[in-house]
């Protein structure tokens, strides 16, 4: 597989789990820049060919699918949002109960 095709396949796999298109494009652009910069550094420092440098830079990134899932969780922390929403609802219910009791007791005195 040609190095550009290998890079595109890696980026496709990383960006696959990402839902929001603008975020997916940004991640793809930033990862491609990072991988190509690292490959260029490897070419200059070790003298390895471009294709091998890109392969090494890609393999240094780790598993593409796992990276995509981590990026999705970082951008869309659903569990954290759910817990925040539930906590807010509980506090709102407590406040409503207190307000009701204050108003109800205030009318009787």
PDB file of N, CA and C in Angstrom:
ATOM      1  N   UNK A   1       0.852  -1.179   0.000  1.00  0.00           N
ATOM      2  CA  UNK A   1       0.000   0.000   0.000  1.00  0.00           C
ATOM      3  C   UNK A   1       0.898   1.244   0.000  1.00  0.00           C
ATOM      4  N   UNK A   2       0.597   2.172  -0.836  1.00  0.00           N
ATOM      5  CA  UNK A   2       1.342   3.424  -0.941  1.00  0.00           C
ATOM      6  C   UNK A   2       1.211   4.200   0.363  1.00  0.00           C
ATOM      7  N   UNK A   3       2.251   4.992   0.725  1.00  0.00           N
ATOM      8  CA  UNK A   3       2.223   5.674   2.030  1.00  0.00           C
ATOM      9  C   UNK A   3       1.058   6.652   2.176  1.00  0.00           C
ATOM     10  N   UNK A   4       0.671   7.321   1.089  1.00  0.00           N
ATOM     11  CA  UNK A   4      -0.467   8.238   1.165  1.00  0.00           C
ATOM     12  C   UNK A   4      -1.767   7.468   1.391  1.00  0.00           C
ATOM     13  N   UNK A   5      -1.885   6.298   0.770  1.00  0.00           N
ATOM     14  CA  UNK A   5      -3.059   5.463   0.989  1.00  0.00           C
ATOM     15  C   UNK A   5      -3.071   4.927   2.413  1.00  0.00           C
ATOM     16  N   UNK A   6      -1.906   4.564   2.934  1.00  0.00           N
ATOM     17  CA  UNK A   6      -1.806   4.064   4.313  1.00  0.00           C
ATOM     18  C   UNK A   6      -2.207   5.165   5.300  1.00  0.00           C
ATOM     19  N   UNK A   7      -1.751   6.384   5.048  1.00  0.00           N
ATOM     20  CA  UNK A   7      -2.108   7.518   5.908  1.00  0.00           C
ATOM     21  C   UNK A   7      -3.615   7.782   5.836  1.00  0.00           C
ATOM     22  N   UNK A   8      -4.178   7.764   4.634  1.00  0.00           N
ATOM     23  CA  UNK A   8      -5.617   7.997   4.478  1.00  0.00           C
ATOM     24  C   UNK A   8      -6.423   6.904   5.175  1.00  0.00           C
ATOM     25  N   UNK A   9      -5.979   5.650   5.080  1.00  0.00           N
ATOM     26  CA  UNK A   9      -6.686   4.546   5.737  1.00  0.00           C
ATOM     27  C   UNK A   9      -6.618   4.695   7.253  1.00  0.00           C
ATOM     28  N   UNK A  10      -5.464   5.098   7.766  1.00  0.00           N
ATOM     29  CA  UNK A  10      -5.325   5.319   9.213  1.00  0.00           C
ATOM     30  C   UNK A  10      -6.249   6.433   9.674  1.00  0.00           C
ATOM     31  N   UNK A  11      -6.261   7.543   8.943  1.00  0.00           N
ATOM     32  CA  UNK A  11      -7.114   8.680   9.314  1.00  0.00           C
ATOM     33  C   UNK A  11      -8.597   8.329   9.206  1.00  0.00           C
ATOM     34  N   UNK A  12      -8.964   7.536   8.193  1.00  0.00           N
ATOM     35  CA  UNK A  12     -10.355   7.087   8.065  1.00  0.00           C
ATOM     36  C   UNK A  12     -10.772   6.265   9.278  1.00  0.00           C
ATOM     37  N   UNK A  13      -9.881   5.384   9.723  1.00  0.00           N
ATOM     38  CA  UNK A  13     -10.212   4.527  10.858  1.00  0.00           C
ATOM     39  C   UNK A  13     -10.286   5.322  12.159  1.00  0.00           C
ATOM     40  N   UNK A  14      -9.391   6.289  12.329  1.00  0.00           N
ATOM     41  CA  UNK A  14      -9.435   7.126  13.534  1.00  0.00           C
ATOM     42  C   UNK A  14     -10.707   7.957  13.547  1.00  0.00           C
ATOM     43  N   UNK A  15     -11.055   8.544  12.416  1.00  0.00           N
ATOM     44  CA  UNK A  15     -12.190   9.464  12.361  1.00  0.00           C
ATOM     45  C   UNK A  15     -13.531   8.754  12.223  1.00  0.00           C
ATOM     46  N   UNK A  16     -13.526   7.453  11.995  1.00  0.00           N
ATOM     47  CA  UNK A  16     -14.765   6.702  11.861  1.00  0.00           C
ATOM     48  C   UNK A  16     -15.706   6.844  13.057  1.00  0.00           C
ATOM     49  N   UNK A  17     -15.222   6.700  14.296  1.00  0.00           N
ATOM     50  CA  UNK A  17     -16.122   6.804  15.452  1.00  0.00           C
ATOM     51  C   UNK A  17     -16.572   8.228  15.801  1.00  0.00           C
ATOM     52  N   UNK A  18     -16.007   9.226  15.140  1.00  0.00           N
ATOM     53  CA  UNK A  18     -16.345  10.613  15.485  1.00  0.00           C
ATOM     54  C   UNK A  18     -17.628  11.027  14.763  1.00  0.00           C
ATOM     55  N   UNK A  19     -18.567  11.590  15.532  1.00  0.00           N
ATOM     56  CA  UNK A  19     -19.894  11.882  15.001  1.00  0.00           C
ATOM     57  C   UNK A  19     -19.993  13.229  14.292  1.00  0.00           C
ATOM     58  N   UNK A  20     -19.437  14.244  14.893  1.00  0.00           N
ATOM     59  CA  UNK A  20     -19.661  15.610  14.429  1.00  0.00           C
ATOM     60  C   UNK A  20     -18.714  15.939  13.285  1.00  0.00           C
ATOM     61  N   UNK A  21     -19.225  16.222  12.067  1.00  0.00           N
ATOM     62  CA  UNK A  21     -18.356  16.442  10.898  1.00  0.00           C
ATOM     63  C   UNK A  21     -17.286  17.529  11.068  1.00  0.00           C
ATOM     64  N   UNK A  22     -17.582  18.703  11.644  1.00  0.00           N
ATOM     65  CA  UNK A  22     -16.501  19.689  11.795  1.00  0.00           C
ATOM     66  C   UNK A  22     -15.377  19.192  12.713  1.00  0.00           C
ATOM     67  N   UNK A  23     -15.746  18.471  13.761  1.00  0.00           N
ATOM     68  CA  UNK A  23     -14.731  17.910  14.661  1.00  0.00           C
ATOM     69  C   UNK A  23     -13.925  16.835  13.938  1.00  0.00           C
ATOM     70  N   UNK A  24     -14.601  16.007  13.145  1.00  0.00           N
ATOM     71  CA  UNK A  24     -13.935  14.953  12.385  1.00  0.00           C
ATOM     72  C   UNK A  24     -12.910  15.554  11.416  1.00  0.00           C
ATOM     73  N   UNK A  25     -13.300  16.632  10.727  1.00  0.00           N
ATOM     74  CA  UNK A  25     -12.371  17.278   9.786  1.00  0.00           C
ATOM     75  C   UNK A  25     -11.166  17.873  10.519  1.00  0.00           C
ATOM     76  N   UNK A  26     -11.432  18.505  11.661  1.00  0.00           N
ATOM     77  CA  UNK A  26     -10.339  19.106  12.423  1.00  0.00           C
ATOM     78  C   UNK A  26      -9.358  18.052  12.933  1.00  0.00           C
ATOM     79  N   UNK A  27      -9.887  16.953  13.459  1.00  0.00           N
ATOM     80  CA  UNK A  27      -9.035  15.866  13.949  1.00  0.00           C
ATOM     81  C   UNK A  27      -8.224  15.288  12.809  1.00  0.00           C
ATOM     82  N   UNK A  28      -8.870  15.070  11.688  1.00  0.00           N
ATOM     83  CA  UNK A  28      -8.175  14.494  10.525  1.00  0.00           C
ATOM     84  C   UNK A  28      -7.018  15.394  10.077  1.00  0.00           C
ATOM     85  N   UNK A  29      -7.286  16.695   9.993  1.00  0.00           N
ATOM     86  CA  UNK A  29      -6.256  17.643   9.557  1.00  0.00           C
ATOM     87  C   UNK A  29      -5.093  17.694  10.556  1.00  0.00           C
ATOM     88  N   UNK A  30      -5.434  17.757  11.848  1.00  0.00           N
ATOM     89  CA  UNK A  30      -4.385  17.852  12.866  1.00  0.00           C
ATOM     90  C   UNK A  30      -3.553  16.574  12.947  1.00  0.00           C
ATOM     91  N   UNK A  31      -4.206  15.415  12.859  1.00  0.00           N
ATOM     92  CA  UNK A  31      -3.458  14.159  12.893  1.00  0.00           C
ATOM     93  C   UNK A  31      -2.565  14.009  11.669  1.00  0.00           C
ATOM     94  N   UNK A  32      -3.085  14.369  10.507  1.00  0.00           N
ATOM     95  CA  UNK A  32      -2.267  14.289   9.292  1.00  0.00           C
ATOM     96  C   UNK A  32      -1.057  15.201   9.403  1.00  0.00           C
ATOM     97  N   UNK A  33      -1.252  16.424   9.895  1.00  0.00           N
ATOM     98  CA  UNK A  33      -0.124  17.336  10.087  1.00  0.00           C
ATOM     99  C   UNK A  33       0.897  16.767  11.059  1.00  0.00           C
ATOM    100  N   UNK A  34       0.403  16.194  12.141  1.00  0.00           N
ATOM    101  CA  UNK A  34       1.306  15.635  13.153  1.00  0.00           C
ATOM    102  C   UNK A  34       2.098  14.453  12.592  1.00  0.00           C
ATOM    103  N   UNK A  35       1.411  13.564  11.905  1.00  0.00           N
ATOM    104  CA  UNK A  35       2.084  12.388  11.351  1.00  0.00           C
ATOM    105  C   UNK A  35       3.107  12.790  10.294  1.00  0.00           C
ATOM    106  N   UNK A  36       2.739  13.718   9.415  1.00  0.00           N
ATOM    107  CA  UNK A  36       3.678  14.147   8.368  1.00  0.00           C
ATOM    108  C   UNK A  36       4.863  14.913   8.951  1.00  0.00           C
ATOM    109  N   UNK A  37       4.629  15.688  10.008  1.00  0.00           N
ATOM    110  CA  UNK A  37       5.743  16.391  10.659  1.00  0.00           C
ATOM    111  C   UNK A  37       6.694  15.409  11.309  1.00  0.00           C
ATOM    112  N   UNK A  38       6.127  14.414  11.961  1.00  0.00           N
ATOM    113  CA  UNK A  38       6.962  13.392  12.609  1.00  0.00           C
ATOM    114  C   UNK A  38       7.725  12.588  11.565  1.00  0.00           C
ATOM    115  N   UNK A  39       7.076  12.279  10.443  1.00  0.00           N
ATOM    116  CA  UNK A  39       7.747  11.540   9.369  1.00  0.00           C
ATOM    117  C   UNK A  39       8.890  12.365   8.788  1.00  0.00           C
ATOM    118  N   UNK A  40       8.663  13.645   8.617  1.00  0.00           N
ATOM    119  CA  UNK A  40       9.728  14.522   8.102  1.00  0.00           C
ATOM    120  C   UNK A  40      10.911  14.563   9.066  1.00  0.00           C
ATOM    121  N   UNK A  41      10.613  14.629  10.350  1.00  0.00           N
ATOM    122  CA  UNK A  41      11.673  14.617  11.358  1.00  0.00           C
ATOM    123  C   UNK A  41      12.445  13.301  11.311  1.00  0.00           C
ATOM    124  N   UNK A  42      11.737  12.182  11.157  1.00  0.00           N
ATOM    125  CA  UNK A  42      12.400  10.885  11.057  1.00  0.00           C
ATOM    126  C   UNK A  42      13.264  10.799   9.797  1.00  0.00           C
ATOM    127  N   UNK A  43      12.760  11.355   8.701  1.00  0.00           N
ATOM    128  CA  UNK A  43      13.546  11.360   7.461  1.00  0.00           C
ATOM    129  C   UNK A  43      14.858  12.113   7.649  1.00  0.00           C
ATOM    130  N   UNK A  44      14.763  13.287   8.279  1.00  0.00           N
ATOM    131  CA  UNK A  44      15.970  14.105   8.460  1.00  0.00           C
ATOM    132  C   UNK A  44      16.921  13.523   9.489  1.00  0.00           C
ATOM    133  N   UNK A  45      16.376  13.007  10.578  1.00  0.00           N
ATOM    134  CA  UNK A  45      17.252  12.559  11.667  1.00  0.00           C
ATOM    135  C   UNK A  45      17.844  11.172  11.440  1.00  0.00           C
ATOM    136  N   UNK A  46      17.059  10.265  10.856  1.00  0.00           N
ATOM    137  CA  UNK A  46      17.555   8.899  10.674  1.00  0.00           C
ATOM    138  C   UNK A  46      17.912   8.580   9.233  1.00  0.00           C
ATOM    139  N   UNK A  47      17.434   9.400   8.309  1.00  0.00           N
ATOM    140  CA  UNK A  47      17.722   9.161   6.897  1.00  0.00           C
ATOM    141  C   UNK A  47      16.893   8.049   6.278  1.00  0.00           C
ATOM    142  N   UNK A  48      15.831   7.614   6.955  1.00  0.00           N
ATOM    143  CA  UNK A  48      15.002   6.556   6.379  1.00  0.00           C
ATOM    144  C   UNK A  48      14.125   7.138   5.262  1.00  0.00           C
ATOM    145  N   UNK A  49      13.733   6.294   4.317  1.00  0.00           N
ATOM    146  CA  UNK A  49      12.908   6.766   3.200  1.00  0.00           C
ATOM    147  C   UNK A  49      11.550   7.277   3.681  1.00  0.00           C
ATOM    148  N   UNK A  50      10.937   8.114   2.842  1.00  0.00           N
ATOM    149  CA  UNK A  50       9.654   8.741   3.206  1.00  0.00           C
ATOM    150  C   UNK A  50       8.593   7.717   3.577  1.00  0.00           C
ATOM    151  N   UNK A  51       8.438   6.678   2.796  1.00  0.00           N
ATOM    152  CA  UNK A  51       7.423   5.664   3.069  1.00  0.00           C
ATOM    153  C   UNK A  51       7.636   4.997   4.417  1.00  0.00           C
ATOM    154  N   UNK A  52       8.858   4.659   4.709  1.00  0.00           N
ATOM    155  CA  UNK A  52       9.168   4.024   5.989  1.00  0.00           C
ATOM    156  C   UNK A  52       8.961   5.014   7.144  1.00  0.00           C
ATOM    157  N   UNK A  53       9.313   6.265   6.923  1.00  0.00           N
ATOM    158  CA  UNK A  53       9.128   7.281   7.966  1.00  0.00           C
ATOM    159  C   UNK A  53       7.644   7.477   8.278  1.00  0.00           C
ATOM    160  N   UNK A  54       6.812   7.484   7.238  1.00  0.00           N
ATOM    161  CA  UNK A  54       5.369   7.621   7.464  1.00  0.00           C
ATOM    162  C   UNK A  54       4.830   6.403   8.197  1.00  0.00           C
ATOM    163  N   UNK A  55       5.272   5.209   7.811  1.00  0.00           N
ATOM    164  CA  UNK A  55       4.843   3.989   8.499  1.00  0.00           C
ATOM    165  C   UNK A  55       5.219   4.035   9.982  1.00  0.00           C
ATOM    166  N   UNK A  56       6.425   4.470  10.277  1.00  0.00           N
ATOM    167  CA  UNK A  56       6.866   4.546  11.667  1.00  0.00           C
ATOM    168  C   UNK A  56       6.077   5.603  12.441  1.00  0.00           C
ATOM    169  N   UNK A  57       5.787   6.723  11.791  1.00  0.00           N
ATOM    170  CA  UNK A  57       5.014   7.779  12.459  1.00  0.00           C
ATOM    171  C   UNK A  57       3.587   7.308  12.733  1.00  0.00           C
ATOM    172  N   UNK A  58       3.013   6.565  11.800  1.00  0.00           N
ATOM    173  CA  UNK A  58       1.658   6.036  11.992  1.00  0.00           C
ATOM    174  C   UNK A  58       1.647   4.995  13.103  1.00  0.00           C
ATOM    175  N   UNK A  59       2.620   4.101  13.096  1.00  0.00           N
ATOM    176  CA  UNK A  59       2.632   3.064  14.123  1.00  0.00           C
ATOM    177  C   UNK A  59       2.887   3.654  15.512  1.00  0.00           C
ATOM    178  N   UNK A  60       3.564   4.798  15.586  1.00  0.00           N
ATOM    179  CA  UNK A  60       3.793   5.454  16.873  1.00  0.00           C
ATOM    180  C   UNK A  60       2.498   6.024  17.453  1.00  0.00           C
ATOM    181  N   UNK A  61       1.496   6.236  16.611  1.00  0.00           N
ATOM    182  CA  UNK A  61       0.216   6.775  17.069  1.00  0.00           C
ATOM    183  C   UNK A  61      -0.616   5.726  17.807  1.00  0.00           C
ATOM    184  N   UNK A  62      -0.323   4.457  17.595  1.00  0.00           N
ATOM    185  CA  UNK A  62      -1.080   3.403  18.258  1.00  0.00           C
ATOM    186  C   UNK A  62      -2.226   2.907  17.401  1.00  0.00           C
ATOM    187  N   UNK A  63      -3.124   2.161  18.043  1.00  0.00           N
ATOM    188  CA  UNK A  63      -4.263   1.585  17.342  1.00  0.00           C
ATOM    189  C   UNK A  63      -5.233   2.683  16.916  1.00  0.00           C
ATOM    190  N   UNK A  64      -5.568   2.699  15.645  1.00  0.00           N
ATOM    191  CA  UNK A  64      -6.398   3.776  15.087  1.00  0.00           C
ATOM    192  C   UNK A  64      -7.802   3.772  15.673  1.00  0.00           C
ATOM    193  N   UNK A  65      -8.413   2.608  15.781  1.00  0.00           N
ATOM    194  CA  UNK A  65      -9.791   2.552  16.277  1.00  0.00           C
ATOM    195  C   UNK A  65      -9.863   2.978  17.749  1.00  0.00           C
ATOM    196  N   UNK A  66      -8.904   2.516  18.542  1.00  0.00           N
ATOM    197  CA  UNK A  66      -8.875   2.909  19.962  1.00  0.00           C
ATOM    198  C   UNK A  66      -8.682   4.409  20.111  1.00  0.00           C
ATOM    199  N   UNK A  67      -7.815   4.965  19.278  1.00  0.00           N
ATOM    200  CA  UNK A  67      -7.587   6.406  19.309  1.00  0.00           C
ATOM    201  C   UNK A  67      -8.865   7.163  18.948  1.00  0.00           C
ATOM    202  N   UNK A  68      -9.579   6.687  17.949  1.00  0.00           N
ATOM    203  CA  UNK A  68     -10.844   7.316  17.565  1.00  0.00           C
ATOM    204  C   UNK A  68     -11.872   7.278  18.685  1.00  0.00           C
ATOM    205  N   UNK A  69     -11.957   6.139  19.373  1.00  0.00           N
ATOM    206  CA  UNK A  69     -12.898   6.024  20.495  1.00  0.00           C
ATOM    207  C   UNK A  69     -12.513   6.962  21.639  1.00  0.00           C
ATOM    208  N   UNK A  70     -11.219   7.074  21.910  1.00  0.00           N
ATOM    209  CA  UNK A  70     -10.772   8.003  22.959  1.00  0.00           C
ATOM    210  C   UNK A  70     -11.090   9.444  22.588  1.00  0.00           C
ATOM    211  N   UNK A  71     -10.885   9.790  21.334  1.00  0.00           N
ATOM    212  CA  UNK A  71     -11.204  11.148  20.889  1.00  0.00           C
ATOM    213  C   UNK A  71     -12.703  11.415  20.970  1.00  0.00           C
ATOM    214  N   UNK A  72     -13.514  10.412  20.657  1.00  0.00           N
ATOM    215  CA  UNK A  72     -14.964  10.594  20.753  1.00  0.00           C
ATOM    216  C   UNK A  72     -15.378  10.802  22.205  1.00  0.00           C
ATOM    217  N   UNK A  73     -14.820   9.995  23.110  1.00  0.00           N
ATOM    218  CA  UNK A  73     -15.161  10.145  24.520  1.00  0.00           C
ATOM    219  C   UNK A  73     -14.700  11.484  25.062  1.00  0.00           C
ATOM    220  N   UNK A  74     -13.578  11.971  24.570  1.00  0.00           N
ATOM    221  CA  UNK A  74     -13.069  13.262  25.017  1.00  0.00           C
ATOM    222  C   UNK A  74     -13.975  14.391  24.541  1.00  0.00           C
ATOM    223  N   UNK A  75     -14.438  14.301  23.328  1.00  0.00           N
ATOM    224  CA  UNK A  75     -15.271  15.361  22.753  1.00  0.00           C
ATOM    225  C   UNK A  75     -16.722  15.271  23.202  1.00  0.00           C
ATOM    226  N   UNK A  76     -17.205  14.062  23.340  1.00  0.00           N
ATOM    227  CA  UNK A  76     -18.596  13.841  23.722  1.00  0.00           C
ATOM    228  C   UNK A  76     -18.667  12.960  24.958  1.00  0.00           C
ATOM    229  N   UNK A  77     -18.399  13.533  26.109  1.00  0.00           N
ATOM    230  CA  UNK A  77     -18.427  12.723  27.337  1.00  0.00           C
ATOM    231  C   UNK A  77     -19.872  12.488  27.797  1.00  0.00           C
ATOM    232  N   UNK A  78     -20.552  11.559  27.167  1.00  0.00           N
ATOM    233  CA  UNK A  78     -21.974  11.345  27.421  1.00  0.00           C
ATOM    234  C   UNK A  78     -22.262  10.992  28.884  1.00  0.00           C
ATOM    235  N   UNK A  79     -21.421  10.171  29.461  1.00  0.00           N
ATOM    236  CA  UNK A  79     -21.655   9.786  30.853  1.00  0.00           C
ATOM    237  C   UNK A  79     -21.578  11.009  31.757  1.00  0.00           C
ATOM    238  N   UNK A  80     -20.580  11.844  31.538  1.00  0.00           N
ATOM    239  CA  UNK A  80     -20.435  13.052  32.342  1.00  0.00           C
ATOM    240  C   UNK A  80     -21.607  14.007  32.156  1.00  0.00           C
ATOM    241  N   UNK A  81     -22.068  14.150  30.924  1.00  0.00           N
ATOM    242  CA  UNK A  81     -23.226  15.009  30.668  1.00  0.00           C
ATOM    243  C   UNK A  81     -24.485  14.462  31.336  1.00  0.00           C
ATOM    244  N   UNK A  82     -24.652  13.151  31.286  1.00  0.00           N
ATOM    245  CA  UNK A  82     -25.806  12.531  31.917  1.00  0.00           C
ATOM    246  C   UNK A  82     -25.775  12.747  33.432  1.00  0.00           C
ATOM    247  N   UNK A  83     -24.616  12.544  34.050  1.00  0.00           N
ATOM    248  CA  UNK A  83     -24.499  12.735  35.493  1.00  0.00           C
ATOM    249  C   UNK A  83     -24.729  14.195  35.890  1.00  0.00           C
ATOM    250  N   UNK A  84     -24.233  15.112  35.090  1.00  0.00           N
ATOM    251  CA  UNK A  84     -24.456  16.534  35.369  1.00  0.00           C
ATOM    252  C   UNK A  84     -25.942  16.878  35.254  1.00  0.00           C
ATOM    253  N   UNK A  85     -26.590  16.356  34.230  1.00  0.00           N
ATOM    254  CA  UNK A  85     -28.019  16.600  34.055  1.00  0.00           C
ATOM    255  C   UNK A  85     -28.825  16.029  35.218  1.00  0.00           C
ATOM    256  N   UNK A  86     -28.520  14.811  35.619  1.00  0.00           N
ATOM    257  CA  UNK A  86     -29.249  14.184  36.723  1.00  0.00           C
ATOM    258  C   UNK A  86     -29.020  14.948  38.031  1.00  0.00           C
ATOM    259  N   UNK A  87     -27.789  15.385  38.274  1.00  0.00           N
ATOM    260  CA  UNK A  87     -27.498  16.158  39.482  1.00  0.00           C
ATOM    261  C   UNK A  87     -28.266  17.470  39.474  1.00  0.00           C
ATOM    262  N   UNK A  88     -28.313  18.125  38.330  1.00  0.00           N
ATOM    263  CA  UNK A  88     -29.057  19.386  38.227  1.00  0.00           C
ATOM    264  C   UNK A  88     -30.542  19.181  38.476  1.00  0.00           C
ATOM    265  N   UNK A  89     -31.090  18.103  37.926  1.00  0.00           N
ATOM    266  CA  UNK A  89     -32.505  17.810  38.142  1.00  0.00           C
ATOM    267  C   UNK A  89     -32.811  17.516  39.614  1.00  0.00           C
ATOM    268  N   UNK A  90     -31.930  16.802  40.285  1.00  0.00           N
ATOM    269  CA  UNK A  90     -32.130  16.499  41.707  1.00  0.00           C
ATOM    270  C   UNK A  90     -32.106  17.777  42.533  1.00  0.00           C
ATOM    271  N   UNK A  91     -31.124  18.652  42.252  1.00  0.00           N
ATOM    272  CA  UNK A  91     -31.050  19.912  42.993  1.00  0.00           C
ATOM    273  C   UNK A  91     -32.261  20.805  42.702  1.00  0.00           C
ATOM    274  N   UNK A  92     -32.734  20.786  41.468  1.00  0.00           N
ATOM    275  CA  UNK A  92     -33.932  21.566  41.131  1.00  0.00           C
ATOM    276  C   UNK A  92     -35.151  21.017  41.870  1.00  0.00           C
ATOM    277  N   UNK A  93     -35.258  19.697  41.986  1.00  0.00           N
ATOM    278  CA  UNK A  93     -36.376  19.094  42.720  1.00  0.00           C
ATOM    279  C   UNK A  93     -36.302  19.442  44.206  1.00  0.00           C
ATOM    280  N   UNK A  94     -35.102  19.413  44.770  1.00  0.00           N
ATOM    281  CA  UNK A  94     -34.937  19.783  46.178  1.00  0.00           C
ATOM    282  C   UNK A  94     -35.336  21.241  46.393  1.00  0.00           C
ATOM    283  N   UNK A  95     -34.874  22.109  45.493  1.00  0.00           N
ATOM    284  CA  UNK A  95     -35.216  23.531  45.606  1.00  0.00           C
ATOM    285  C   UNK A  95     -36.719  23.739  45.467  1.00  0.00           C
ATOM    286  N   UNK A  96     -37.351  23.020  44.554  1.00  0.00           N
ATOM    287  CA  UNK A  96     -38.799  23.146  44.377  1.00  0.00           C
ATOM    288  C   UNK A  96     -39.541  22.674  45.628  1.00  0.00           C
ATOM    289  N   UNK A  97     -39.085  21.602  46.233  1.00  0.00           N
ATOM    290  CA  UNK A  97     -39.710  21.108  47.475  1.00  0.00           C
ATOM    291  C   UNK A  97     -39.560  22.116  48.605  1.00  0.00           C
ATOM    292  N   UNK A  98     -38.378  22.676  48.734  1.00  0.00           N
ATOM    293  CA  UNK A  98     -38.151  23.675  49.787  1.00  0.00           C
ATOM    294  C   UNK A  98     -39.033  24.900  49.542  1.00  0.00           C
ATOM    295  N   UNK A  99     -39.088  25.360  48.313  1.00  0.00           N
ATOM    296  CA  UNK A  99     -39.923  26.513  47.976  1.00  0.00           C
ATOM    297  C   UNK A  99     -41.398  26.222  48.259  1.00  0.00           C
ATOM    298  N   UNK A 100     -41.845  25.053  47.887  1.00  0.00           N
ATOM    299  CA  UNK A 100     -43.230  24.655  48.156  1.00  0.00           C
ATOM    300  C   UNK A 100     -43.512  24.653  49.654  1.00  0.00           C
ATOM    301  N   UNK A 101     -42.604  24.063  50.439  1.00  0.00           N
ATOM    302  CA  UNK A 101     -42.804  23.999  51.887  1.00  0.00           C
ATOM    303  C   UNK A 101     -42.805  25.396  52.504  1.00  0.00           C
ATOM    304  N   UNK A 102     -41.899  26.239  52.054  1.00  0.00           N
ATOM    305  CA  UNK A 102     -41.850  27.612  52.581  1.00  0.00           C
ATOM    306  C   UNK A 102     -43.124  28.375  52.262  1.00  0.00           C
ATOM    307  N   UNK A 103     -43.595  28.258  51.035  1.00  0.00           N
ATOM    308  CA  UNK A 103     -44.815  28.949  50.636  1.00  0.00           C
ATOM    309  C   UNK A 103     -46.033  28.344  51.331  1.00  0.00           C
ATOM    310  N   UNK A 104     -46.075  27.043  51.443  1.00  0.00           N
ATOM    311  CA  UNK A 104     -47.206  26.365  52.053  1.00  0.00           C
ATOM    312  C   UNK A 104     -47.256  26.651  53.554  1.00  0.00           C
ATOM    313  N   UNK A 105     -46.117  26.614  54.219  1.00  0.00           N
ATOM    314  CA  UNK A 105     -46.073  26.901  55.652  1.00  0.00           C
ATOM    315  C   UNK A 105     -46.281  28.393  55.908  1.00  0.00           C
ATOM    316  N   UNK A 106     -45.818  29.226  54.998  1.00  0.00           N
ATOM    317  CA  UNK A 106     -45.970  30.664  55.140  1.00  0.00           C
ATOM    318  C   UNK A 106     -47.420  31.092  55.057  1.00  0.00           C
ATOM    319  N   UNK A 107     -48.243  30.404  54.280  1.00  0.00           N
ATOM    320  CA  UNK A 107     -49.648  30.743  54.150  1.00  0.00           C
ATOM    321  C   UNK A 107     -50.437  30.343  55.382  1.00  0.00           C
ATOM    322  N   UNK A 108     -50.015  29.340  56.112  1.00  0.00           N
ATOM    323  CA  UNK A 108     -50.740  28.852  57.284  1.00  0.00           C
ATOM    324  C   UNK A 108     -50.429  29.666  58.530  1.00  0.00           C
ATOM    325  N   UNK A 109     -49.343  30.392  58.578  1.00  0.00           N
ATOM    326  CA  UNK A 109     -49.010  31.144  59.799  1.00  0.00           C
ATOM    327  C   UNK A 109     -49.521  32.535  59.791  1.00  0.00           C
TER     328      UNK A 109
END
